[in-house]
Every structure is written in C-alpha cells, then in structure tokens.
Amino acid sequence: TKGKERYIAEKDDIMCAVRDVKTTVRASEFHSHHVVAVD
C-alpha cells in the first residue's frame, strides 16, 4: 500500500521499494520473500 494505491505481489514477482510516500507491506497468511537493500 502506497498512499491510497494498492499493489499485489505474488510468487516470483519483484517488489521495488521506491519510498516516495509512506509504504505499508502486509501479508495475512504464510509468505516468504527474499530482500536486499542499499543506502
């Protein structure tokens, strides 16, 4: 959820965290994601 917009990331999709607005990521059941981040 980015502001008023929602996006769904499913298996094998890539999520790109461009945090131009407050961002919330949630899952209501079991999930696994592989994540890397840089400054």
Full PDB file with SEQRES, HELIX, SHEET, SSBOND, CRYST1, ORIGX, SCALE, CONECT and MASTER records, all heavy atoms in Angstrom:
SEQRES   1 A   39  THR LYS GLY LYS GLU ARG TYR ILE ALA GLU LYS ASP ASP          
SEQRES   2 A   39  ILE MET CYS ALA VAL ARG ASP VAL LYS THR THR VAL ARG          
SEQRES   3 A   39  ALA SER GLU PHE HIS SER HIS HIS VAL VAL ALA VAL ASP          
CRYST1    1.000    1.000    1.000  90.00  90.00  90.00 P 1           1          
ORIGX1      1.000000  0.000000  0.000000        0.00000                         
ORIGX2      0.000000  1.000000  0.000000        0.00000                         
ORIGX3      0.000000  0.000000  1.000000        0.00000                         
SCALE1      1.000000  0.000000  0.000000        0.00000                         
SCALE2      0.000000  1.000000  0.000000        0.00000                         
SCALE3      0.000000  0.000000  1.000000        0.00000                         
ATOM      1  N   THR A   1       0.854  -1.189   0.000  1.00  0.00           N  
ATOM      2  CA  THR A   1       0.000   0.000   0.000  1.00  0.00           C  
ATOM      3  C   THR A   1       0.887   1.235   0.000  1.00  0.00           C  
ATOM      4  O   THR A   1       1.710   1.426   0.893  1.00  0.00           O  
ATOM      5  CB  THR A   1      -0.913   0.029   1.236  1.00  0.00           C  
ATOM      6  OG1 THR A   1      -1.714  -1.156   1.255  1.00  0.00           O  
ATOM      7  CG2 THR A   1      -1.832   1.245   1.196  1.00  0.00           C  
ATOM      8  N   LYS A   2       0.730   2.062  -1.032  1.00  0.00           N  
ATOM      9  CA  LYS A   2       1.489   3.314  -1.148  1.00  0.00           C  
ATOM     10  C   LYS A   2       0.479   4.452  -1.224  1.00  0.00           C  
ATOM     11  O   LYS A   2      -0.174   4.629  -2.251  1.00  0.00           O  
ATOM     12  CB  LYS A   2       2.378   3.299  -2.389  1.00  0.00           C  
ATOM     13  CG  LYS A   2       3.402   2.169  -2.392  1.00  0.00           C  
ATOM     14  CD  LYS A   2       4.260   2.189  -3.634  1.00  0.00           C  
ATOM     15  CE  LYS A   2       5.198   3.364  -3.686  1.00  0.00           C  
ATOM     16  NZ  LYS A   2       6.247   3.331  -2.660  1.00  0.00           N  
ATOM     17  N   GLY A   3       0.342   5.191  -0.108  1.00  0.00           N  
ATOM     18  CA  GLY A   3      -0.697   6.211  -0.072  1.00  0.00           C  
ATOM     19  C   GLY A   3      -2.055   5.554  -0.204  1.00  0.00           C  
ATOM     20  O   GLY A   3      -2.421   4.680   0.585  1.00  0.00           O  
ATOM     21  N   LYS A   4      -2.810   5.922  -1.249  1.00  0.00           N  
ATOM     22  CA  LYS A   4      -4.131   5.340  -1.486  1.00  0.00           C  
ATOM     23  C   LYS A   4      -4.090   4.207  -2.502  1.00  0.00           C  
ATOM     24  O   LYS A   4      -5.125   3.614  -2.804  1.00  0.00           O  
ATOM     25  CB  LYS A   4      -5.088   6.428  -1.970  1.00  0.00           C  
ATOM     26  CG  LYS A   4      -5.375   7.516  -0.931  1.00  0.00           C  
ATOM     27  CD  LYS A   4      -6.387   8.514  -1.458  1.00  0.00           C  
ATOM     28  CE  LYS A   4      -6.695   9.580  -0.414  1.00  0.00           C  
ATOM     29  NZ  LYS A   4      -7.682  10.570  -0.905  1.00  0.00           N  
ATOM     30  N   GLU A   5      -2.912   3.887  -3.011  1.00  0.00           N  
ATOM     31  CA  GLU A   5      -2.792   2.848  -4.026  1.00  0.00           C  
ATOM     32  C   GLU A   5      -2.389   1.522  -3.407  1.00  0.00           C  
ATOM     33  O   GLU A   5      -1.616   1.484  -2.442  1.00  0.00           O  
ATOM     34  CB  GLU A   5      -1.757   3.249  -5.076  1.00  0.00           C  
ATOM     35  CG  GLU A   5      -2.082   4.527  -5.819  1.00  0.00           C  
ATOM     36  CD  GLU A   5      -3.313   4.402  -6.686  1.00  0.00           C  
ATOM     37  OE1 GLU A   5      -3.614   3.274  -7.121  1.00  0.00           O  
ATOM     38  OE2 GLU A   5      -3.993   5.423  -6.918  1.00  0.00           O  
ATOM     39  N   ARG A   6      -2.896   0.420  -3.969  1.00  0.00           N  
ATOM     40  CA  ARG A   6      -2.517  -0.920  -3.527  1.00  0.00           C  
ATOM     41  C   ARG A   6      -1.981  -1.719  -4.699  1.00  0.00           C  
ATOM     42  O   ARG A   6      -2.489  -1.623  -5.814  1.00  0.00           O  
ATOM     43  CB  ARG A   6      -3.724  -1.663  -2.940  1.00  0.00           C  
ATOM     44  CG  ARG A   6      -4.205  -1.139  -1.596  1.00  0.00           C  
ATOM     45  CD  ARG A   6      -5.087  -2.199  -0.943  1.00  0.00           C  
ATOM     46  NE  ARG A   6      -5.774  -1.671   0.212  1.00  0.00           N  
ATOM     47  CZ  ARG A   6      -7.074  -1.411   0.254  1.00  0.00           C  
ATOM     48  NH1 ARG A   6      -7.806  -1.626  -0.812  1.00  0.00           N  
ATOM     49  NH2 ARG A   6      -7.635  -0.946   1.345  1.00  0.00           N  
ATOM     50  N   TYR A   7      -0.947  -2.514  -4.428  1.00  0.00           N  
ATOM     51  CA  TYR A   7      -0.347  -3.382  -5.434  1.00  0.00           C  
ATOM     52  C   TYR A   7      -0.218  -4.773  -4.820  1.00  0.00           C  
ATOM     53  O   TYR A   7       0.097  -4.913  -3.639  1.00  0.00           O  
ATOM     54  CB  TYR A   7       1.032  -2.871  -5.850  1.00  0.00           C  
ATOM     55  CG  TYR A   7       1.019  -1.463  -6.388  1.00  0.00           C  
ATOM     56  CD1 TYR A   7       1.071  -0.368  -5.517  1.00  0.00           C  
ATOM     57  CD2 TYR A   7       0.934  -1.218  -7.753  1.00  0.00           C  
ATOM     58  CE1 TYR A   7       1.039   0.932  -5.997  1.00  0.00           C  
ATOM     59  CE2 TYR A   7       0.905   0.085  -8.246  1.00  0.00           C  
ATOM     60  CZ  TYR A   7       0.959   1.147  -7.361  1.00  0.00           C  
ATOM     61  OH  TYR A   7       0.930   2.434  -7.844  1.00  0.00           O  
ATOM     62  N   ILE A   8      -0.449  -5.806  -5.631  1.00  0.00           N  
ATOM     63  CA  ILE A   8      -0.339  -7.181  -5.160  1.00  0.00           C  
ATOM     64  C   ILE A   8       0.917  -7.812  -5.764  1.00  0.00           C  
ATOM     65  O   ILE A   8       1.114  -7.808  -6.975  1.00  0.00           O  
ATOM     66  CB  ILE A   8      -1.572  -8.011  -5.557  1.00  0.00           C  
ATOM     67  CG1 ILE A   8      -2.847  -7.378  -4.984  1.00  0.00           C  
ATOM     68  CG2 ILE A   8      -1.418  -9.444  -5.066  1.00  0.00           C  
ATOM     69  CD1 ILE A   8      -2.888  -7.318  -3.480  1.00  0.00           C  
ATOM     70  N   ALA A   9       1.786  -8.336  -4.909  1.00  0.00           N  
ATOM     71  CA  ALA A   9       2.981  -9.061  -5.354  1.00  0.00           C  
ATOM     72  C   ALA A   9       2.774 -10.545  -5.055  1.00  0.00           C  
ATOM     73  O   ALA A   9       2.615 -10.934  -3.900  1.00  0.00           O  
ATOM     74  CB  ALA A   9       4.226  -8.540  -4.640  1.00  0.00           C  
ATOM     75  N   GLU A  10       2.770 -11.357  -6.096  1.00  0.00           N  
ATOM     76  CA  GLU A  10       2.554 -12.790  -5.953  1.00  0.00           C  
ATOM     77  C   GLU A  10       3.869 -13.539  -6.194  1.00  0.00           C  
ATOM     78  O   GLU A  10       4.909 -12.922  -6.423  1.00  0.00           O  
ATOM     79  CB  GLU A  10       1.465 -13.246  -6.936  1.00  0.00           C  
ATOM     80  CG  GLU A  10       0.132 -12.558  -6.691  1.00  0.00           C  
ATOM     81  CD  GLU A  10      -0.925 -12.904  -7.720  1.00  0.00           C  
ATOM     82  OE1 GLU A  10      -0.705 -12.575  -8.900  1.00  0.00           O  
ATOM     83  OE2 GLU A  10      -1.945 -13.488  -7.353  1.00  0.00           O  
ATOM     84  N   LYS A  11       3.816 -14.856  -6.118  1.00  0.00           N  
ATOM     85  CA  LYS A  11       5.028 -15.663  -6.238  1.00  0.00           C  
ATOM     86  C   LYS A  11       5.805 -15.321  -7.511  1.00  0.00           C  
ATOM     87  O   LYS A  11       5.227 -15.251  -8.596  1.00  0.00           O  
ATOM     88  CB  LYS A  11       4.688 -17.156  -6.223  1.00  0.00           C  
ATOM     89  CG  LYS A  11       5.922 -18.052  -6.215  1.00  0.00           C  
ATOM     90  CD  LYS A  11       5.547 -19.515  -6.081  1.00  0.00           C  
ATOM     91  CE  LYS A  11       6.810 -20.381  -6.075  1.00  0.00           C  
ATOM     92  NZ  LYS A  11       6.502 -21.815  -5.951  1.00  0.00           N  
ATOM     93  N   ASP A  12       7.113 -15.087  -7.344  1.00  0.00           N  
ATOM     94  CA  ASP A  12       8.059 -14.776  -8.416  1.00  0.00           C  
ATOM     95  C   ASP A  12       7.969 -13.342  -8.930  1.00  0.00           C  
ATOM     96  O   ASP A  12       8.705 -12.966  -9.852  1.00  0.00           O  
ATOM     97  CB  ASP A  12       7.931 -15.755  -9.597  1.00  0.00           C  
ATOM     98  CG  ASP A  12       8.294 -17.176  -9.208  1.00  0.00           C  
ATOM     99  OD1 ASP A  12       9.154 -17.335  -8.320  1.00  0.00           O  
ATOM    100  OD2 ASP A  12       7.724 -18.120  -9.783  1.00  0.00           O  
ATOM    101  N   ASP A  13       7.080 -12.520  -8.369  1.00  0.00           N  
ATOM    102  CA  ASP A  13       7.061 -11.100  -8.716  1.00  0.00           C  
ATOM    103  C   ASP A  13       8.190 -10.379  -7.976  1.00  0.00           C  
ATOM    104  O   ASP A  13       8.601 -10.792  -6.888  1.00  0.00           O  
ATOM    105  CB  ASP A  13       5.732 -10.457  -8.325  1.00  0.00           C  
ATOM    106  CG  ASP A  13       4.557 -10.942  -9.158  1.00  0.00           C  
ATOM    107  OD1 ASP A  13       4.805 -11.567 -10.203  1.00  0.00           O  
ATOM    108  OD2 ASP A  13       3.405 -10.694  -8.757  1.00  0.00           O  
ATOM    109  N   ILE A  14       8.668  -9.282  -8.554  1.00  0.00           N  
ATOM    110  CA  ILE A  14       9.721  -8.465  -7.952  1.00  0.00           C  
ATOM    111  C   ILE A  14       9.092  -7.206  -7.359  1.00  0.00           C  
ATOM    112  O   ILE A  14       8.320  -6.521  -8.029  1.00  0.00           O  
ATOM    113  CB  ILE A  14      10.785  -8.048  -8.987  1.00  0.00           C  
ATOM    114  CG1 ILE A  14      11.301  -9.263  -9.766  1.00  0.00           C  
ATOM    115  CG2 ILE A  14      11.925  -7.296  -8.297  1.00  0.00           C  
ATOM    116  CD1 ILE A  14      12.050 -10.274  -8.948  1.00  0.00           C  
ATOM    117  N   MET A  15       9.405  -6.910  -6.096  1.00  0.00           N  
ATOM    118  CA  MET A  15       8.945  -5.672  -5.459  1.00  0.00           C  
ATOM    119  C   MET A  15      10.095  -4.679  -5.418  1.00  0.00           C  
ATOM    120  O   MET A  15      11.215  -5.033  -5.039  1.00  0.00           O  
ATOM    121  CB  MET A  15       8.453  -5.947  -4.039  1.00  0.00           C  
ATOM    122  CG  MET A  15       7.263  -6.881  -3.957  1.00  0.00           C  
ATOM    123  SD  MET A  15       6.653  -7.025  -2.258  1.00  0.00           S  
ATOM    124  CE  MET A  15       8.087  -7.728  -1.441  1.00  0.00           C  
ATOM    125  N   CYS A  16       9.823  -3.447  -5.809  1.00  0.00           N  
ATOM    126  CA  CYS A  16      10.826  -2.392  -5.817  1.00  0.00           C  
ATOM    127  C   CYS A  16      10.386  -1.304  -4.834  1.00  0.00           C  
ATOM    128  O   CYS A  16       9.392  -0.635  -5.067  1.00  0.00           O  
ATOM    129  CB  CYS A  16      10.983  -1.802  -7.213  1.00  0.00           C  
ATOM    130  SG  CYS A  16      11.291  -3.030  -8.510  1.00  0.00           S  
ATOM    131  N   ALA A  17      11.136  -1.164  -3.759  1.00  0.00           N  
ATOM    132  CA  ALA A  17      10.753  -0.218  -2.707  1.00  0.00           C  
ATOM    133  C   ALA A  17      11.300   1.165  -3.025  1.00  0.00           C  
ATOM    134  O   ALA A  17      12.397   1.536  -2.622  1.00  0.00           O  
ATOM    135  CB  ALA A  17      11.251  -0.693  -1.347  1.00  0.00           C  
ATOM    136  N   VAL A  18      10.536   1.911  -3.821  1.00  0.00           N  
ATOM    137  CA  VAL A  18      10.814   3.327  -4.065  1.00  0.00           C  
ATOM    138  C   VAL A  18       9.903   4.091  -3.120  1.00  0.00           C  
ATOM    139  O   VAL A  18       8.716   4.260  -3.373  1.00  0.00           O  
ATOM    140  CB  VAL A  18      10.531   3.706  -5.531  1.00  0.00           C  
ATOM    141  CG1 VAL A  18      10.814   5.182  -5.768  1.00  0.00           C  
ATOM    142  CG2 VAL A  18      11.366   2.841  -6.473  1.00  0.00           C  
ATOM    143  N   ARG A  19      10.431   4.521  -1.991  1.00  0.00           N  
ATOM    144  CA  ARG A  19       9.593   5.053  -0.917  1.00  0.00           C  
ATOM    145  C   ARG A  19       9.366   6.547  -1.066  1.00  0.00           C  
ATOM    146  O   ARG A  19       9.875   7.365  -0.311  1.00  0.00           O  
ATOM    147  CB  ARG A  19      10.211   4.714   0.433  1.00  0.00           C  
ATOM    148  CG  ARG A  19      10.253   3.200   0.656  1.00  0.00           C  
ATOM    149  CD  ARG A  19      10.984   2.826   1.910  1.00  0.00           C  
ATOM    150  NE  ARG A  19      11.142   1.376   1.984  1.00  0.00           N  
ATOM    151  CZ  ARG A  19      12.134   0.770   2.602  1.00  0.00           C  
ATOM    152  NH1 ARG A  19      13.057   1.491   3.212  1.00  0.00           N  
ATOM    153  NH2 ARG A  19      12.220  -0.542   2.616  1.00  0.00           N  
ATOM    154  N   ASP A  20       8.585   6.899  -2.099  1.00  0.00           N  
ATOM    155  CA  ASP A  20       8.260   8.301  -2.310  1.00  0.00           C  
ATOM    156  C   ASP A  20       7.136   8.758  -1.394  1.00  0.00           C  
ATOM    157  O   ASP A  20       6.979   9.955  -1.135  1.00  0.00           O  
ATOM    158  CB  ASP A  20       7.882   8.542  -3.769  1.00  0.00           C  
ATOM    159  CG  ASP A  20       6.860   7.544  -4.289  1.00  0.00           C  
ATOM    160  OD1 ASP A  20       6.959   6.351  -3.935  1.00  0.00           O  
ATOM    161  OD2 ASP A  20       5.975   7.937  -5.056  1.00  0.00           O  
ATOM    162  N   VAL A  21       6.335   7.812  -0.896  1.00  0.00           N  
ATOM    163  CA  VAL A  21       5.282   8.095   0.081  1.00  0.00           C  
ATOM    164  C   VAL A  21       5.332   7.000   1.142  1.00  0.00           C  
ATOM    165  O   VAL A  21       6.042   6.005   0.979  1.00  0.00           O  
ATOM    166  CB  VAL A  21       3.872   8.121  -0.576  1.00  0.00           C  
ATOM    167  CG1 VAL A  21       3.765   9.231  -1.604  1.00  0.00           C  
ATOM    168  CG2 VAL A  21       3.553   6.765  -1.225  1.00  0.00           C  
ATOM    169  N   LYS A  22       4.590   7.182   2.230  1.00  0.00           N  
ATOM    170  CA  LYS A  22       4.555   6.146   3.262  1.00  0.00           C  
ATOM    171  C   LYS A  22       4.072   4.846   2.639  1.00  0.00           C  
ATOM    172  O   LYS A  22       3.070   4.811   1.932  1.00  0.00           O  
ATOM    173  CB  LYS A  22       3.646   6.551   4.415  1.00  0.00           C  
ATOM    174  CG  LYS A  22       3.657   5.537   5.566  1.00  0.00           C  
ATOM    175  CD  LYS A  22       2.882   6.030   6.766  1.00  0.00           C  
ATOM    176  CE  LYS A  22       2.957   5.000   7.903  1.00  0.00           C  
ATOM    177  NZ  LYS A  22       2.254   5.473   9.113  1.00  0.00           N  
ATOM    178  N   THR A  23       4.798   3.770   2.920  1.00  0.00           N  
ATOM    179  CA  THR A  23       4.525   2.475   2.300  1.00  0.00           C  
ATOM    180  C   THR A  23       4.307   1.417   3.373  1.00  0.00           C  
ATOM    181  O   THR A  23       5.074   1.341   4.335  1.00  0.00           O  
ATOM    182  CB  THR A  23       5.697   2.053   1.397  1.00  0.00           C  
ATOM    183  OG1 THR A  23       5.923   3.061   0.408  1.00  0.00           O  
ATOM    184  CG2 THR A  23       5.405   0.735   0.708  1.00  0.00           C  
ATOM    185  N   THR A  24       3.258   0.610   3.200  1.00  0.00           N  
ATOM    186  CA  THR A  24       2.993  -0.499   4.114  1.00  0.00           C  
ATOM    187  C   THR A  24       2.958  -1.802   3.320  1.00  0.00           C  
ATOM    188  O   THR A  24       2.314  -1.876   2.270  1.00  0.00           O  
ATOM    189  CB  THR A  24       1.656  -0.315   4.851  1.00  0.00           C  
ATOM    190  OG1 THR A  24       1.697   0.903   5.602  1.00  0.00           O  
ATOM    191  CG2 THR A  24       1.391  -1.477   5.804  1.00  0.00           C  
ATOM    192  N   VAL A  25       3.661  -2.796   3.818  1.00  0.00           N  
ATOM    193  CA  VAL A  25       3.680  -4.126   3.192  1.00  0.00           C  
ATOM    194  C   VAL A  25       3.079  -5.105   4.181  1.00  0.00           C  
ATOM    195  O   VAL A  25       3.466  -5.131   5.350  1.00  0.00           O  
ATOM    196  CB  VAL A  25       5.116  -4.553   2.831  1.00  0.00           C  
ATOM    197  CG1 VAL A  25       5.105  -5.919   2.147  1.00  0.00           C  
ATOM    198  CG2 VAL A  25       5.780  -3.512   1.942  1.00  0.00           C  
ATOM    199  N   ARG A  26       2.107  -5.913   3.725  1.00  0.00           N  
ATOM    200  CA  ARG A  26       1.466  -6.841   4.654  1.00  0.00           C  
ATOM    201  C   ARG A  26       1.109  -8.153   3.974  1.00  0.00           C  
ATOM    202  O   ARG A  26       0.951  -8.230   2.752  1.00  0.00           O  
ATOM    203  CB  ARG A  26       0.209  -6.209   5.261  1.00  0.00           C  
ATOM    204  CG  ARG A  26      -0.872  -5.825   4.269  1.00  0.00           C  
ATOM    205  CD  ARG A  26      -2.180  -5.473   5.009  1.00  0.00           C  
ATOM    206  NE  ARG A  26      -1.975  -4.433   5.988  1.00  0.00           N  
ATOM    207  CZ  ARG A  26      -2.109  -3.125   5.741  1.00  0.00           C  
ATOM    208  NH1 ARG A  26      -2.419  -2.729   4.518  1.00  0.00           N  
ATOM    209  NH2 ARG A  26      -1.928  -2.231   6.693  1.00  0.00           N  
ATOM    210  N   ALA A  27       1.007  -9.191   4.805  1.00  0.00           N  
ATOM    211  CA  ALA A  27       0.529 -10.500   4.370  1.00  0.00           C  
ATOM    212  C   ALA A  27      -0.336 -11.049   5.491  1.00  0.00           C  
ATOM    213  O   ALA A  27       0.013 -10.922   6.667  1.00  0.00           O  
ATOM    214  CB  ALA A  27       1.680 -11.444   4.074  1.00  0.00           C  
ATOM    215  N   SER A  28      -1.457 -11.655   5.154  1.00  0.00           N  
ATOM    216  CA  SER A  28      -2.361 -12.190   6.173  1.00  0.00           C  
ATOM    217  C   SER A  28      -2.269 -13.703   6.294  1.00  0.00           C  
ATOM    218  O   SER A  28      -3.014 -14.316   7.047  1.00  0.00           O  
ATOM    219  CB  SER A  28      -3.809 -11.780   5.855  1.00  0.00           C  
ATOM    220  OG  SER A  28      -4.181 -12.219   4.570  1.00  0.00           O  
ATOM    221  N   GLU A  29      -1.344 -14.317   5.547  1.00  0.00           N  
ATOM    222  CA  GLU A  29      -1.098 -15.752   5.662  1.00  0.00           C  
ATOM    223  C   GLU A  29       0.375 -15.999   5.390  1.00  0.00           C  
ATOM    224  O   GLU A  29       1.132 -15.063   5.115  1.00  0.00           O  
ATOM    225  CB  GLU A  29      -1.965 -16.535   4.664  1.00  0.00           C  
ATOM    226  CG  GLU A  29      -1.710 -16.169   3.226  1.00  0.00           C  
ATOM    227  CD  GLU A  29      -2.603 -16.919   2.263  1.00  0.00           C  
ATOM    228  OE1 GLU A  29      -3.537 -17.603   2.734  1.00  0.00           O  
ATOM    229  OE2 GLU A  29      -2.369 -16.847   1.056  1.00  0.00           O  
ATOM    230  N   PHE A  30       0.811 -17.257   5.484  1.00  0.00           N  
ATOM    231  CA  PHE A  30       2.235 -17.551   5.337  1.00  0.00           C  
ATOM    232  C   PHE A  30       2.774 -17.034   4.005  1.00  0.00           C  
ATOM    233  O   PHE A  30       2.164 -17.198   2.953  1.00  0.00           O  
ATOM    234  CB  PHE A  30       2.506 -19.054   5.430  1.00  0.00           C  
ATOM    235  CG  PHE A  30       3.970 -19.378   5.232  1.00  0.00           C  
ATOM    236  CD1 PHE A  30       4.865 -19.236   6.287  1.00  0.00           C  
ATOM    237  CD2 PHE A  30       4.448 -19.772   3.987  1.00  0.00           C  
ATOM    238  CE1 PHE A  30       6.226 -19.507   6.103  1.00  0.00           C  
ATOM    239  CE2 PHE A  30       5.796 -20.045   3.797  1.00  0.00           C  
ATOM    240  CZ  PHE A  30       6.683 -19.909   4.870  1.00  0.00           C  
ATOM    241  N   HIS A  31       3.960 -16.418   4.087  1.00  0.00           N  
ATOM    242  CA  HIS A  31       4.640 -15.975   2.887  1.00  0.00           C  
ATOM    243  C   HIS A  31       6.144 -15.992   3.145  1.00  0.00           C  
ATOM    244  O   HIS A  31       6.605 -16.062   4.285  1.00  0.00           O  
ATOM    245  CB  HIS A  31       4.213 -14.550   2.503  1.00  0.00           C  
ATOM    246  CG  HIS A  31       5.041 -13.505   3.163  1.00  0.00           C  
ATOM    247  ND1 HIS A  31       4.910 -13.194   4.502  1.00  0.00           N  
ATOM    248  CD2 HIS A  31       6.070 -12.742   2.691  1.00  0.00           C  
ATOM    249  CE1 HIS A  31       5.801 -12.273   4.817  1.00  0.00           C  
ATOM    250  NE2 HIS A  31       6.519 -11.979   3.750  1.00  0.00           N  
ATOM    251  N   SER A  32       6.891 -15.901   2.068  1.00  0.00           N  
ATOM    252  CA  SER A  32       8.346 -15.779   2.166  1.00  0.00           C  
ATOM    253  C   SER A  32       8.812 -14.813   1.082  1.00  0.00           C  
ATOM    254  O   SER A  32       8.346 -14.886  -0.066  1.00  0.00           O  
ATOM    255  CB  SER A  32       9.010 -17.148   1.960  1.00  0.00           C  
ATOM    256  OG  SER A  32      10.424 -17.023   1.912  1.00  0.00           O  
ATOM    257  N   HIS A  33       9.698 -13.887   1.467  1.00  0.00           N  
ATOM    258  CA  HIS A  33      10.274 -13.018   0.436  1.00  0.00           C  
ATOM    259  C   HIS A  33      11.768 -12.837   0.670  1.00  0.00           C  
ATOM    260  O   HIS A  33      12.237 -12.833   1.800  1.00  0.00           O  
ATOM    261  CB  HIS A  33       9.552 -11.666   0.352  1.00  0.00           C  
ATOM    262  CG  HIS A  33       9.714 -10.766   1.542  1.00  0.00           C  
ATOM    263  ND1 HIS A  33       8.921 -10.851   2.668  1.00  0.00           N  
ATOM    264  CD2 HIS A  33      10.567  -9.735   1.767  1.00  0.00           C  
ATOM    265  CE1 HIS A  33       9.275  -9.918   3.540  1.00  0.00           C  
ATOM    266  NE2 HIS A  33      10.281  -9.225   3.020  1.00  0.00           N  
ATOM    267  N   HIS A  34      12.510 -12.708  -0.429  1.00  0.00           N  
ATOM    268  CA  HIS A  34      13.958 -12.535  -0.414  1.00  0.00           C  
ATOM    269  C   HIS A  34      14.235 -11.063  -0.695  1.00  0.00           C  
ATOM    270  O   HIS A  34      13.798 -10.539  -1.720  1.00  0.00           O  
ATOM    271  CB  HIS A  34      14.620 -13.394  -1.491  1.00  0.00           C  
ATOM    272  CG  HIS A  34      14.392 -14.868  -1.309  1.00  0.00           C  
ATOM    273  ND1 HIS A  34      15.343 -15.821  -1.620  1.00  0.00           N  
ATOM    274  CD2 HIS A  34      13.314 -15.571  -0.857  1.00  0.00           C  
ATOM    275  CE1 HIS A  34      14.869 -17.023  -1.362  1.00  0.00           C  
ATOM    276  NE2 HIS A  34      13.633 -16.896  -0.905  1.00  0.00           N  
ATOM    277  N   VAL A  35      14.976 -10.404   0.188  1.00  0.00           N  
ATOM    278  CA  VAL A  35      15.103  -8.954   0.096  1.00  0.00           C  
ATOM    279  C   VAL A  35      16.549  -8.499   0.232  1.00  0.00           C  
ATOM    280  O   VAL A  35      17.317  -9.046   1.025  1.00  0.00           O  
ATOM    281  CB  VAL A  35      14.206  -8.266   1.167  1.00  0.00           C  
ATOM    282  CG1 VAL A  35      14.566  -8.745   2.561  1.00  0.00           C  
ATOM    283  CG2 VAL A  35      14.315  -6.749   1.088  1.00  0.00           C  
ATOM    284  N   VAL A  36      16.913  -7.494  -0.582  1.00  0.00           N  
ATOM    285  CA  VAL A  36      18.215  -6.836  -0.467  1.00  0.00           C  
ATOM    286  C   VAL A  36      17.985  -5.330  -0.490  1.00  0.00           C  
ATOM    287  O   VAL A  36      17.054  -4.840  -1.138  1.00  0.00           O  
ATOM    288  CB  VAL A  36      19.174  -7.234  -1.612  1.00  0.00           C  
ATOM    289  CG1 VAL A  36      19.475  -8.721  -1.560  1.00  0.00           C  
ATOM    290  CG2 VAL A  36      18.615  -6.853  -2.976  1.00  0.00           C  
ATOM    291  N   ALA A  37      18.810  -4.603   0.247  1.00  0.00           N  
ATOM    292  CA  ALA A  37      18.662  -3.146   0.307  1.00  0.00           C  
ATOM    293  C   ALA A  37      20.020  -2.489   0.401  1.00  0.00           C  
ATOM    294  O   ALA A  37      20.976  -3.066   0.933  1.00  0.00           O  
ATOM    295  CB  ALA A  37      17.797  -2.748   1.507  1.00  0.00           C  
ATOM    296  N   VAL A  38      20.104  -1.256  -0.118  1.00  0.00           N  
ATOM    297  CA  VAL A  38      21.341  -0.487  -0.048  1.00  0.00           C  
ATOM    298  C   VAL A  38      21.035   0.937   0.407  1.00  0.00           C  
ATOM    299  O   VAL A  38      19.918   1.444   0.231  1.00  0.00           O  
ATOM    300  CB  VAL A  38      22.059  -0.418  -1.417  1.00  0.00           C  
ATOM    301  CG1 VAL A  38      22.525  -1.785  -1.852  1.00  0.00           C  
ATOM    302  CG2 VAL A  38      21.176   0.239  -2.471  1.00  0.00           C  
ATOM    303  N   ASP A  39      22.032   1.563   1.004  1.00  0.00           N  
ATOM    304  CA  ASP A  39      21.990   3.002   1.254  1.00  0.00           C  
ATOM    305  C   ASP A  39      22.526   3.686   0.002  1.00  0.00           C  
ATOM    306  O   ASP A  39      23.568   3.304  -0.540  1.00  0.00           O  
ATOM    307  CB  ASP A  39      22.870   3.366   2.450  1.00  0.00           C  
ATOM    308  CG  ASP A  39      22.270   2.885   3.766  1.00  0.00           C  
ATOM    309  OD1 ASP A  39      21.071   3.116   3.987  1.00  0.00           O  
ATOM    310  OD2 ASP A  39      23.017   2.271   4.560  1.00  0.00           O  
TER     311      ASP A  39                                                      
MASTER        0    0    0    0    0    0    0    6  310    1    0    3          
END                                                                             
